[in-house]
PDB file of N, CA and C in Angstrom:
ATOM      1  N   MET A   1      26.683  12.099   9.916  1.00  0.00           N
ATOM      2  CA  MET A   1      26.064  12.045   8.847  1.00  0.00           C
ATOM      3  C   MET A   1      24.782  10.627   8.765  1.00  0.00           C
ATOM      4  N   ASN A   2      25.548   9.739  10.155  1.00  0.00           N
ATOM      5  CA  ASN A   2      24.487   8.284  10.386  1.00  0.00           C
ATOM      6  C   ASN A   2      23.334   8.786  10.837  1.00  0.00           C
ATOM      7  N   ASN A   3      23.690  10.344  12.020  1.00  0.00           N
ATOM      8  CA  ASN A   3      22.680  10.813  12.975  1.00  0.00           C
ATOM      9  C   ASN A   3      21.658  11.208  12.269  1.00  0.00           C
ATOM     10  N   LEU A   4      22.631  12.652  11.222  1.00  0.00           N
ATOM     11  CA  LEU A   4      21.492  12.680   9.986  1.00  0.00           C
ATOM     12  C   LEU A   4      20.512  11.782   9.863  1.00  0.00           C
ATOM     13  N   LEU A   5      20.952  10.752   9.364  1.00  0.00           N
ATOM     14  CA  LEU A   5      19.865  10.022   8.218  1.00  0.00           C
ATOM     15  C   LEU A   5      18.875   9.139   9.763  1.00  0.00           C
ATOM     16  N   SER A   6      19.534   9.047  10.492  1.00  0.00           N
ATOM     17  CA  SER A   6      18.223   8.763  11.194  1.00  0.00           C
ATOM     18  C   SER A   6      16.791   9.836  11.794  1.00  0.00           C
ATOM     19  N   TRP A   7      17.754  11.298  11.477  1.00  0.00           N
ATOM     20  CA  TRP A   7      16.805  12.597  12.391  1.00  0.00           C
ATOM     21  C   TRP A   7      15.985  12.280  10.795  1.00  0.00           C
ATOM     22  N   LEU A   8      16.613  12.023   9.626  1.00  0.00           N
ATOM     23  CA  LEU A   8      15.538  12.002   8.415  1.00  0.00           C
ATOM     24  C   LEU A   8      14.565  11.329   8.296  1.00  0.00           C
ATOM     25  N   ALA A   9      15.204   9.958   8.592  1.00  0.00           N
ATOM     26  CA  ALA A   9      13.724   8.533   8.525  1.00  0.00           C
ATOM     27  C   ALA A   9      13.395   8.474   9.812  1.00  0.00           C
ATOM     28  N   SER A  10      13.202   8.810  10.780  1.00  0.00           N
ATOM     29  CA  SER A  10      11.827   9.706  11.687  1.00  0.00           C
ATOM     30  C   SER A  10      11.032  10.653  11.057  1.00  0.00           C
ATOM     31  N   ALA A  11      11.514  11.502  10.419  1.00  0.00           N
ATOM     32  CA  ALA A  11      11.154  12.587  10.290  1.00  0.00           C
ATOM     33  C   ALA A  11       9.520  12.251   9.210  1.00  0.00           C
ATOM     34  N   LEU A  12      10.193  10.778   7.807  1.00  0.00           N
ATOM     35  CA  LEU A  12       9.594  10.420   6.600  1.00  0.00           C
ATOM     36  C   LEU A  12       8.762   9.615   8.208  1.00  0.00           C
ATOM     37  N   VAL A  13       8.861   9.198   8.321  1.00  0.00           N
ATOM     38  CA  VAL A  13       8.041   7.729   9.716  1.00  0.00           C
ATOM     39  C   VAL A  13       6.860   8.702  10.289  1.00  0.00           C
ATOM     40  N   LEU A  14       6.778   9.523  10.803  1.00  0.00           N
ATOM     41  CA  LEU A  14       6.164  10.521  11.618  1.00  0.00           C
ATOM     42  C   LEU A  14       5.073  11.359  10.050  1.00  0.00           C
ATOM     43  N   ALA A  15       5.519  11.656   9.368  1.00  0.00           N
ATOM     44  CA  ALA A  15       5.003  12.178   7.820  1.00  0.00           C
ATOM     45  C   ALA A  15       4.580  11.395   7.211  1.00  0.00           C
ATOM     46  N   GLY A  16       4.863  10.170   7.000  1.00  0.00           N
ATOM     47  CA  GLY A  16       3.839   9.099   6.568  1.00  0.00           C
ATOM     48  C   GLY A  16       2.442   8.458   7.584  1.00  0.00           C
ATOM     49  N   ALA A  17       3.163   8.026   9.043  1.00  0.00           N
ATOM     50  CA  ALA A  17       2.024   8.217   9.920  1.00  0.00           C
ATOM     51  C   ALA A  17       0.543   9.480   9.633  1.00  0.00           C
ATOM     52  N   LEU A  18       0.978  10.574   9.810  1.00  0.00           N
ATOM     53  CA  LEU A  18       0.520  11.336   9.947  1.00  0.00           C
ATOM     54  C   LEU A  18      -0.170  11.072   8.493  1.00  0.00           C
ATOM     55  N   ILE A  19       0.076  11.125   7.583  1.00  0.00           N
ATOM     56  CA  ILE A  19      -0.756  10.883   6.037  1.00  0.00           C
ATOM     57  C   ILE A  19      -1.754  10.261   6.386  1.00  0.00           C
ATOM     58  N   SER A  20      -1.391   8.715   6.616  1.00  0.00           N
ATOM     59  CA  SER A  20      -1.929   7.770   6.572  1.00  0.00           C
ATOM     60  C   SER A  20      -2.912   7.496   7.364  1.00  0.00           C
ATOM     61  N   LEU A  21      -2.393   8.471   8.558  1.00  0.00           N
ATOM     62  CA  LEU A  21      -3.989   8.872   9.418  1.00  0.00           C
ATOM     63  C   LEU A  21      -4.779   9.441   8.814  1.00  0.00           C
ATOM     64  N   LEU A  22      -4.918  10.780   8.231  1.00  0.00           N
ATOM     65  CA  LEU A  22      -5.912  11.505   7.449  1.00  0.00           C
ATOM     66  C   LEU A  22      -6.583  11.087   6.032  1.00  0.00           C
ATOM     67  N   GLY A  23      -5.522   9.593   5.604  1.00  0.00           N
ATOM     68  CA  GLY A  23      -6.318   9.991   4.800  1.00  0.00           C
ATOM     69  C   GLY A  23      -7.621   8.147   5.476  1.00  0.00           C
ATOM     70  N   ALA A  24      -6.864   8.064   6.946  1.00  0.00           N
ATOM     71  CA  ALA A  24      -7.695   6.596   7.426  1.00  0.00           C
ATOM     72  C   ALA A  24      -9.165   7.919   7.725  1.00  0.00           C
ATOM     73  N   ILE A  25      -9.185   8.544   8.349  1.00  0.00           N
ATOM     74  CA  ILE A  25      -9.868   9.967   8.583  1.00  0.00           C
ATOM     75  C   ILE A  25     -10.683  10.173   7.705  1.00  0.00           C
ATOM     76  N   GLY A  26     -10.470  10.696   6.503  1.00  0.00           N
ATOM     77  CA  GLY A  26     -10.708  10.900   5.880  1.00  0.00           C
ATOM     78  C   GLY A  26     -12.392   9.120   4.842  1.00  0.00           C
ATOM     79  N   ILE A  27     -11.509   8.196   5.120  1.00  0.00           N
ATOM     80  CA  ILE A  27     -12.121   7.077   4.804  1.00  0.00           C
ATOM     81  C   ILE A  27     -13.942   7.055   5.731  1.00  0.00           C
ATOM     82  N   LEU A  28     -13.422   7.579   7.467  1.00  0.00           N
ATOM     83  CA  LEU A  28     -14.230   7.604   7.800  1.00  0.00           C
ATOM     84  C   LEU A  28     -15.621   8.822   8.001  1.00  0.00           C
ATOM     85  N   ARG A  29     -14.940  10.217   7.455  1.00  0.00           N
ATOM     86  CA  ARG A  29     -15.581  10.798   7.579  1.00  0.00           C
ATOM     87  C   ARG A  29     -16.684  10.896   5.870  1.00  0.00           C
ATOM     88  N   LEU A  30     -15.837  11.155   5.120  1.00  0.00           N
ATOM     89  CA  LEU A  30     -16.423  11.318   3.663  1.00  0.00           C
ATOM     90  C   LEU A  30     -17.357  10.981   3.018  1.00  0.00           C
ATOM     91  N   PRO A  31     -18.610  11.656   2.467  1.00  0.00           N
ATOM     92  CA  PRO A  31     -19.629  10.968   2.234  1.00  0.00           C
ATOM     93  C   PRO A  31     -19.842   9.416   1.115  1.00  0.00           C
ATOM     94  N   ASP A  32     -19.075   9.609   0.888  1.00  0.00           N
ATOM     95  CA  ASP A  32     -19.454   8.517  -0.112  1.00  0.00           C
ATOM     96  C   ASP A  32     -18.255   7.941  -0.439  1.00  0.00           C
ATOM     97  N   SER A  33     -19.056   5.962  -0.661  1.00  0.00           N
ATOM     98  CA  SER A  33     -18.051   5.371  -1.907  1.00  0.00           C
ATOM     99  C   SER A  33     -16.434   5.733  -2.659  1.00  0.00           C
ATOM    100  N   TYR A  34     -16.981   6.725  -3.780  1.00  0.00           N
ATOM    101  CA  TYR A  34     -15.750   6.778  -4.356  1.00  0.00           C
ATOM    102  C   TYR A  34     -15.145   8.027  -3.636  1.00  0.00           C
ATOM    103  N   SER A  35     -15.325   8.924  -2.470  1.00  0.00           N
ATOM    104  CA  SER A  35     -14.936  10.036  -2.038  1.00  0.00           C
ATOM    105  C   SER A  35     -13.750   9.561  -1.474  1.00  0.00           C
ATOM    106  N   ARG A  36     -14.477   8.629  -0.450  1.00  0.00           N
ATOM    107  CA  ARG A  36     -13.539   7.753   0.183  1.00  0.00           C
ATOM    108  C   ARG A  36     -12.323   6.584  -0.482  1.00  0.00           C
ATOM    109  N   MET A  37     -12.594   5.981  -1.671  1.00  0.00           N
ATOM    110  CA  MET A  37     -11.910   5.731  -2.509  1.00  0.00           C
ATOM    111  C   MET A  37     -10.488   6.557  -2.595  1.00  0.00           C
ATOM    112  N   HIS A  38     -10.801   7.858  -3.443  1.00  0.00           N
ATOM    113  CA  HIS A  38     -10.310   8.489  -3.188  1.00  0.00           C
ATOM    114  C   HIS A  38      -9.387   8.874  -2.292  1.00  0.00           C
ATOM    115  N   ALA A  39      -9.671   9.207  -0.837  1.00  0.00           N
ATOM    116  CA  ALA A  39      -8.767   9.175   0.369  1.00  0.00           C
ATOM    117  C   ALA A  39      -8.238   8.090   0.531  1.00  0.00           C
ATOM    118  N   ALA A  40      -8.435   6.797   0.935  1.00  0.00           N
ATOM    119  CA  ALA A  40      -7.420   6.032   1.036  1.00  0.00           C
ATOM    120  C   ALA A  40      -6.453   5.550  -0.146  1.00  0.00           C
ATOM    121  N   SER A  41      -6.558   6.060  -1.312  1.00  0.00           N
ATOM    122  CA  SER A  41      -6.084   5.797  -2.508  1.00  0.00           C
ATOM    123  C   SER A  41      -4.443   6.902  -2.317  1.00  0.00           C
ATOM    124  N   LYS A  42      -5.163   7.849  -2.643  1.00  0.00           N
ATOM    125  CA  LYS A  42      -4.270   8.832  -2.425  1.00  0.00           C
ATOM    126  C   LYS A  42      -3.343   9.144  -1.038  1.00  0.00           C
ATOM    127  N   ALA A  43      -4.465   9.204  -0.116  1.00  0.00           N
ATOM    128  CA  ALA A  43      -3.823   9.655   0.773  1.00  0.00           C
ATOM    129  C   ALA A  43      -2.507   8.197   1.797  1.00  0.00           C
ATOM    130  N   GLY A  44      -3.404   7.214   1.451  1.00  0.00           N
ATOM    131  CA  GLY A  44      -2.493   5.691   1.709  1.00  0.00           C
ATOM    132  C   GLY A  44      -1.240   5.285   0.754  1.00  0.00           C
ATOM    133  N   VAL A  45      -1.669   5.614  -0.961  1.00  0.00           N
ATOM    134  CA  VAL A  45      -0.089   6.051  -0.976  1.00  0.00           C
ATOM    135  C   VAL A  45       0.718   6.516  -0.917  1.00  0.00           C
ATOM    136  N   LEU A  46       1.038   7.845  -0.918  1.00  0.00           N
ATOM    137  CA  LEU A  46       1.571   8.755  -0.323  1.00  0.00           C
ATOM    138  C   LEU A  46       2.398   8.296   0.667  1.00  0.00           C
ATOM    139  N   GLY A  47       1.723   7.884   1.720  1.00  0.00           N
ATOM    140  CA  GLY A  47       1.949   7.678   3.430  1.00  0.00           C
ATOM    141  C   GLY A  47       2.997   6.501   3.265  1.00  0.00           C
ATOM    142  N   ALA A  48       2.850   5.365   2.404  1.00  0.00           N
ATOM    143  CA  ALA A  48       3.338   4.655   2.545  1.00  0.00           C
ATOM    144  C   ALA A  48       4.544   4.813   1.307  1.00  0.00           C
ATOM    145  N   VAL A  49       4.373   5.869   0.425  1.00  0.00           N
ATOM    146  CA  VAL A  49       5.690   5.877  -0.267  1.00  0.00           C
ATOM    147  C   VAL A  49       6.664   6.872   1.147  1.00  0.00           C
ATOM    148  N   LEU A  50       5.839   7.100   1.683  1.00  0.00           N
ATOM    149  CA  LEU A  50       6.959   8.055   2.978  1.00  0.00           C
ATOM    150  C   LEU A  50       7.647   6.848   3.709  1.00  0.00           C
ATOM    151  N   LEU A  51       7.241   6.511   4.054  1.00  0.00           N
ATOM    152  CA  LEU A  51       7.973   5.197   5.598  1.00  0.00           C
ATOM    153  C   LEU A  51       8.471   4.289   4.497  1.00  0.00           C
ATOM    154  N   LEU A  52       8.335   4.130   2.870  1.00  0.00           N
ATOM    155  CA  LEU A  52      10.048   3.040   2.234  1.00  0.00           C
ATOM    156  C   LEU A  52      10.264   3.996   2.070  1.00  0.00           C
ATOM    157  N   GLY A  53      10.303   5.474   1.396  1.00  0.00           N
ATOM    158  CA  GLY A  53      11.934   6.180   1.873  1.00  0.00           C
ATOM    159  C   GLY A  53      12.688   6.129   3.103  1.00  0.00           C
ATOM    160  N   ALA A  54      11.576   5.981   4.191  1.00  0.00           N
ATOM    161  CA  ALA A  54      11.836   5.918   5.575  1.00  0.00           C
ATOM    162  C   ALA A  54      12.560   4.327   5.547  1.00  0.00           C
ATOM    163  N   VAL A  55      12.688   3.369   5.512  1.00  0.00           N
ATOM    164  CA  VAL A  55      13.120   2.088   5.728  1.00  0.00           C
ATOM    165  C   VAL A  55      14.040   2.368   4.988  1.00  0.00           C
ATOM    166  N   ALA A  56      14.443   2.811   3.191  1.00  0.00           N
ATOM    167  CA  ALA A  56      15.732   3.141   2.826  1.00  0.00           C
ATOM    168  C   ALA A  56      16.130   4.018   3.407  1.00  0.00           C
ATOM    169  N   LEU A  57      16.378   4.866   4.150  1.00  0.00           N
ATOM    170  CA  LEU A  57      17.169   5.937   4.743  1.00  0.00           C
ATOM    171  C   LEU A  57      17.902   5.109   5.903  1.00  0.00           C
ATOM    172  N   ALA A  58      16.935   4.731   7.064  1.00  0.00           N
ATOM    173  CA  ALA A  58      17.360   4.004   8.079  1.00  0.00           C
ATOM    174  C   ALA A  58      18.118   2.527   7.868  1.00  0.00           C
ATOM    175  N   SER A  59      17.636   1.618   6.962  1.00  0.00           N
ATOM    176  CA  SER A  59      19.067   1.197   6.787  1.00  0.00           C
ATOM    177  C   SER A  59      20.111   0.906   6.103  1.00  0.00           C
ATOM    178  N   SER A  60      20.161   2.690   6.148  1.00  0.00           N
ATOM    179  CA  SER A  60      21.461   3.142   5.666  1.00  0.00           C
ATOM    180  C   SER A  60      21.440   2.316   3.948  1.00  0.00           C
ATOM    181  N   GLY A  61      20.465   2.385   3.191  1.00  0.00           N
ATOM    182  CA  GLY A  61      20.930   1.746   1.937  1.00  0.00           C
ATOM    183  C   GLY A  61      20.821   0.124   1.351  1.00  0.00           C
ATOM    184  N   GLU A  62      20.821  -0.495   2.412  1.00  0.00           N
ATOM    185  CA  GLU A  62      20.829  -1.915   2.376  1.00  0.00           C
ATOM    186  C   GLU A  62      19.586  -2.372   1.719  1.00  0.00           C
ATOM    187  N   LEU A  63      18.741  -1.754   2.333  1.00  0.00           N
ATOM    188  CA  LEU A  63      17.399  -2.023   1.553  1.00  0.00           C
ATOM    189  C   LEU A  63      16.589  -1.184   0.360  1.00  0.00           C
ATOM    190  N   ALA A  64      16.898  -0.318  -0.043  1.00  0.00           N
ATOM    191  CA  ALA A  64      17.110   1.269  -0.938  1.00  0.00           C
ATOM    192  C   ALA A  64      16.054   0.699  -2.163  1.00  0.00           C
ATOM    193  N   LEU A  65      16.743  -0.854  -2.874  1.00  0.00           N
ATOM    194  CA  LEU A  65      16.314  -0.822  -3.664  1.00  0.00           C
ATOM    195  C   LEU A  65      15.177  -1.755  -3.598  1.00  0.00           C
ATOM    196  N   GLU A  66      15.148  -3.289  -2.760  1.00  0.00           N
ATOM    197  CA  GLU A  66      13.631  -3.436  -1.963  1.00  0.00           C
ATOM    198  C   GLU A  66      12.809  -2.557  -2.091  1.00  0.00           C
ATOM    199  N   ALA A  67      12.646  -1.184  -0.904  1.00  0.00           N
ATOM    200  CA  ALA A  67      12.157  -0.447  -0.994  1.00  0.00           C
ATOM    201  C   ALA A  67      11.608   0.716  -2.871  1.00  0.00           C
ATOM    202  N   LEU A  68      12.604   0.735  -3.360  1.00  0.00           N
ATOM    203  CA  LEU A  68      11.994   1.058  -4.117  1.00  0.00           C
ATOM    204  C   LEU A  68      11.342   0.599  -5.141  1.00  0.00           C
ATOM    205  N   ALA A  69      11.740  -1.353  -5.683  1.00  0.00           N
ATOM    206  CA  ALA A  69      10.626  -1.787  -5.973  1.00  0.00           C
ATOM    207  C   ALA A  69       9.290  -1.643  -5.937  1.00  0.00           C
ATOM    208  N   GLY A  70       9.254  -1.876  -4.340  1.00  0.00           N
ATOM    209  CA  GLY A  70       7.870  -1.284  -3.584  1.00  0.00           C
ATOM    210  C   GLY A  70       7.050  -0.316  -3.978  1.00  0.00           C
ATOM    211  N   LEU A  71       7.526   0.650  -3.633  1.00  0.00           N
ATOM    212  CA  LEU A  71       7.767   1.861  -4.336  1.00  0.00           C
ATOM    213  C   LEU A  71       7.100   1.525  -5.165  1.00  0.00           C
ATOM    214  N   LEU A  72       7.744   1.415  -6.172  1.00  0.00           N
ATOM    215  CA  LEU A  72       7.044   1.473  -7.981  1.00  0.00           C
ATOM    216  C   LEU A  72       5.948   0.184  -8.313  1.00  0.00           C
ATOM    217  N   VAL A  73       6.116  -0.489  -6.893  1.00  0.00           N
ATOM    218  CA  VAL A  73       4.869  -1.554  -7.863  1.00  0.00           C
ATOM    219  C   VAL A  73       2.867  -0.018  -6.984  1.00  0.00           C
ATOM    220  N   LEU A  74       3.480   0.160  -5.651  1.00  0.00           N
ATOM    221  CA  LEU A  74       2.416   0.739  -5.144  1.00  0.00           C
ATOM    222  C   LEU A  74       2.009   1.802  -5.867  1.00  0.00           C
ATOM    223  N   LEU A  75       3.053   2.668  -6.612  1.00  0.00           N
ATOM    224  CA  LEU A  75       2.680   3.905  -7.570  1.00  0.00           C
ATOM    225  C   LEU A  75       2.037   3.246  -9.123  1.00  0.00           C
ATOM    226  N   ALA A  76       2.312   1.907  -9.072  1.00  0.00           N
ATOM    227  CA  ALA A  76       1.533   1.705 -10.927  1.00  0.00           C
ATOM    228  C   ALA A  76       0.487   0.327 -10.154  1.00  0.00           C
ATOM    229  N   SER A  77      -0.322   0.206  -8.373  1.00  0.00           N
ATOM    230  CA  SER A  77      -0.847  -0.735  -9.115  1.00  0.00           C
ATOM    231  C   SER A  77      -2.531   0.373  -8.154  1.00  0.00           C
ATOM    232  N   ALA A  78      -1.968   1.427  -7.327  1.00  0.00           N
ATOM    233  CA  ALA A  78      -2.799   2.056  -6.451  1.00  0.00           C
ATOM    234  C   ALA A  78      -4.207   2.622  -7.928  1.00  0.00           C
ATOM    235  N   PRO A  79      -3.318   3.578  -8.044  1.00  0.00           N
ATOM    236  CA  PRO A  79      -4.351   3.880  -9.206  1.00  0.00           C
ATOM    237  C   PRO A  79      -5.179   3.400  -9.949  1.00  0.00           C
ATOM    238  N   LEU A  80      -4.547   2.272 -10.817  1.00  0.00           N
ATOM    239  CA  LEU A  80      -5.278   1.479 -11.712  1.00  0.00           C
ATOM    240  C   LEU A  80      -5.977   0.479 -10.349  1.00  0.00           C
ATOM    241  N   ALA A  81      -6.279   0.663  -9.643  1.00  0.00           N
ATOM    242  CA  ALA A  81      -7.188  -0.766  -8.571  1.00  0.00           C
ATOM    243  C   ALA A  81      -8.628   0.321  -8.181  1.00  0.00           C
ATOM    244  N   ALA A  82      -8.034   1.592  -7.581  1.00  0.00           N
ATOM    245  CA  ALA A  82      -8.828   2.779  -7.230  1.00  0.00           C
ATOM    246  C   ALA A  82      -9.945   2.902  -8.990  1.00  0.00           C
ATOM    247  N   HIS A  83      -8.981   2.902 -10.105  1.00  0.00           N
ATOM    248  CA  HIS A  83     -10.092   2.899 -11.108  1.00  0.00           C
ATOM    249  C   HIS A  83     -11.376   1.791 -11.207  1.00  0.00           C
ATOM    250  N   ALA A  84     -10.903   1.293 -11.348  1.00  0.00           N
ATOM    251  CA  ALA A  84     -11.163  -0.449 -11.418  1.00  0.00           C
ATOM    252  C   ALA A  84     -12.203  -0.297 -10.751  1.00  0.00           C
ATOM    253  N   ILE A  85     -12.401  -0.613  -9.541  1.00  0.00           N
ATOM    254  CA  ILE A  85     -13.732   0.093  -8.124  1.00  0.00           C
ATOM    255  C   ILE A  85     -14.547   0.785  -8.586  1.00  0.00           C
ATOM    256  N   ALA A  86     -13.648   1.739  -9.138  1.00  0.00           N
ATOM    257  CA  ALA A  86     -14.539   2.766  -9.088  1.00  0.00           C
ATOM    258  C   ALA A  86     -16.078   2.588  -9.694  1.00  0.00           C
ATOM    259  N   ARG A  87     -14.865   1.966 -11.207  1.00  0.00           N
ATOM    260  CA  ARG A  87     -15.652   2.058 -11.790  1.00  0.00           C
ATOM    261  C   ARG A  87     -17.024   0.541 -12.049  1.00  0.00           C
ATOM    262  N   ALA A  88     -16.608  -0.506 -11.478  1.00  0.00           N
ATOM    263  CA  ALA A  88     -17.174  -1.300 -11.002  1.00  0.00           C
ATOM    264  C   ALA A  88     -18.378  -0.687 -10.457  1.00  0.00           C
ATOM    265  N   ALA A  89     -18.704  -0.200  -9.605  1.00  0.00           N
ATOM    266  CA  ALA A  89     -19.034   0.563  -7.870  1.00  0.00           C
ATOM    267  C   ALA A  89     -20.326   0.972  -9.055  1.00  0.00           C
ATOM    268  N   HIS A  90     -19.556   2.084  -9.715  1.00  0.00           N
ATOM    269  CA  HIS A  90     -20.712   2.457 -10.807  1.00  0.00           C
ATOM    270  C   HIS A  90     -21.540   2.144 -11.699  1.00  0.00           C
ATOM    271  N   ARG A  91     -20.660   0.652 -12.234  1.00  0.00           N
ATOM    272  CA  ARG A  91     -22.125   0.393 -13.230  1.00  0.00           C
ATOM    273  C   ARG A  91     -22.964  -0.911 -12.687  1.00  0.00           C
ATOM    274  N   ALA A  92     -21.963  -1.620 -10.877  1.00  0.00           N
ATOM    275  CA  ALA A  92     -23.059  -1.660 -10.061  1.00  0.00           C
ATOM    276  C   ALA A  92     -24.358  -0.984  -9.313  1.00  0.00           C
ATOM    277  N   GLY A  93     -24.210   0.133  -9.984  1.00  0.00           N
ATOM    278  CA  GLY A  93     -25.687   0.819  -9.366  1.00  0.00           C
ATOM    279  C   GLY A  93     -25.119   2.021  -8.605  1.00  0.00           C
ATOM    280  N   ILE A  94     -23.869   1.835  -7.584  1.00  0.00           N
ATOM    281  CA  ILE A  94     -23.700   2.782  -6.494  1.00  0.00           C
ATOM    282  C   ILE A  94     -23.704   4.592  -7.359  1.00  0.00           C
ATOM    283  N   LYS A  95     -24.280   4.896  -6.502  1.00  0.00           N
ATOM    284  CA  LYS A  95     -24.836   6.212  -7.285  1.00  0.00           C
ATOM    285  C   LYS A  95     -23.615   7.234  -6.263  1.00  0.00           C
ATOM    286  N   PRO A  96     -22.956   8.531  -6.841  1.00  0.00           N
ATOM    287  CA  PRO A  96     -21.711   8.445  -6.006  1.00  0.00           C
ATOM    288  C   PRO A  96     -22.996  10.114  -5.354  1.00  0.00           C
ATOM    289  N   VAL A  97     -22.329  11.034  -4.533  1.00  0.00           N
ATOM    290  CA  VAL A  97     -23.471  12.075  -3.906  1.00  0.00           C
ATOM    291  C   VAL A  97     -22.494  13.085  -5.313  1.00  0.00           C
ATOM    292  N   LEU A  98     -23.306  13.972  -5.885  1.00  0.00           N
ATOM    293  CA  LEU A  98     -23.353  14.883  -6.628  1.00  0.00           C
ATOM    294  C   LEU A  98     -22.835  16.122  -6.341  1.00  0.00           C
ATOM    295  N   GLY A  99     -21.927  16.722  -7.049  1.00  0.00           N
ATOM    296  CA  GLY A  99     -21.714  18.284  -7.097  1.00  0.00           C
ATOM    297  C   GLY A  99     -22.083  18.727  -7.753  1.00  0.00           C
ATOM    298  N   PRO A 100     -22.143  20.013  -8.427  1.00  0.00           N
ATOM    299  CA  PRO A 100     -22.595  20.568  -8.892  1.00  0.00           C
ATOM    300  C   PRO A 100     -22.067  20.476 -10.727  1.00  0.00           C
ATOM    301  N   LEU A 101     -20.842  19.557 -10.686  1.00  0.00           N
ATOM    302  CA  LEU A 101     -20.740  19.328 -12.086  1.00  0.00           C
ATOM    303  C   LEU A 101     -21.492  18.131 -13.058  1.00  0.00           C
ATOM    304  N   GLY A 102     -22.232  17.410 -12.156  1.00  0.00           N
ATOM    305  CA  GLY A 102     -22.703  15.493 -11.871  1.00  0.00           C
ATOM    306  C   GLY A 102     -22.328  14.536 -12.367  1.00  0.00           C
ATOM    307  N   ASP A 103     -23.059  13.876 -12.625  1.00  0.00           N
ATOM    308  CA  ASP A 103     -22.299  12.898 -12.993  1.00  0.00           C
ATOM    309  C   ASP A 103     -21.657  12.112 -14.772  1.00  0.00           C
ATOM    310  N   GLU A 104     -20.123  12.605 -14.565  1.00  0.00           N
ATOM    311  CA  GLU A 104     -20.047  12.505 -16.573  1.00  0.00           C
ATOM    312  C   GLU A 104     -19.548  11.241 -16.705  1.00  0.00           C
ATOM    313  N   LEU A 105     -19.613  10.375 -16.118  1.00  0.00           N
ATOM    314  CA  LEU A 105     -19.449   9.604 -16.184  1.00  0.00           C
ATOM    315  C   LEU A 105     -20.893   8.838 -16.329  1.00  0.00           C
ATOM    316  N   GLU A 106     -21.696   8.560 -16.307  1.00  0.00           N
ATOM    317  CA  GLU A 106     -23.357   8.511 -16.532  1.00  0.00           C
ATOM    318  C   GLU A 106     -23.376   9.206 -17.868  1.00  0.00           C
ATOM    319  N   ARG A 107     -23.260  10.732 -18.353  1.00  0.00           N
ATOM    320  CA  ARG A 107     -23.471  11.036 -19.560  1.00  0.00           C
ATOM    321  C   ARG A 107     -22.722  10.643 -20.505  1.00  0.00           C
ATOM    322  N   ASP A 108     -21.030  10.228 -20.645  1.00  0.00           N
ATOM    323  CA  ASP A 108     -20.699   9.433 -21.279  1.00  0.00           C
ATOM    324  C   ASP A 108     -21.219   8.124 -21.811  1.00  0.00           C
ATOM    325  N   GLN A 109     -21.573   7.217 -20.873  1.00  0.00           N
ATOM    326  CA  GLN A 109     -21.942   6.050 -21.750  1.00  0.00           C
ATOM    327  C   GLN A 109     -23.560   6.007 -22.091  1.00  0.00           C
ATOM    328  N   ARG A 110     -24.280   7.530 -21.872  1.00  0.00           N
ATOM    329  CA  ARG A 110     -25.249   7.238 -22.392  1.00  0.00           C
ATOM    330  C   ARG A 110     -25.128   7.707 -23.811  1.00  0.00           C
ATOM    331  N   GLU A 111     -24.066   9.131 -23.921  1.00  0.00           N
ATOM    332  CA  GLU A 111     -23.922   8.926 -25.869  1.00  0.00           C
ATOM    333  C   GLU A 111     -23.230   7.968 -26.354  1.00  0.00           C
ATOM    334  N   ASP A 112     -22.510   7.037 -25.749  1.00  0.00           N
ATOM    335  CA  ASP A 112     -21.974   5.801 -26.543  1.00  0.00           C
ATOM    336  C   ASP A 112     -23.310   5.284 -27.263  1.00  0.00           C
ATOM    337  N   PRO A 113     -22.799   4.261 -28.349  1.00  0.00           N
ATOM    338  CA  PRO A 113     -23.965   3.236 -29.121  1.00  0.00           C
ATOM    339  C   PRO A 113     -23.948   2.593 -28.310  1.00  0.00           C
TER     340      PRO A 113
END
């Protein structure tokens, strides 16, 4: 059973590292700060969740509570921080690279009195 946990923890570490690498590549390759932030927040959180799961498995449950606490903090704070930073960037005048749908946030701000 311990050997199975080791293999599973190793697979989770590898998957977490690969997803984090994809997020880092996204930060380098995407065209604007909003897209980069999206890649960093989504891929970074998923990679960290997998790595924390690997920590919980590799420690045979001894650090499972600490890993779960870290996971909950990450899942609660990362989307909120990305949203706040994106909104602040938009208010500062940093323009996104727009697709066919345009800029909904700018339209909403014009309609509000």
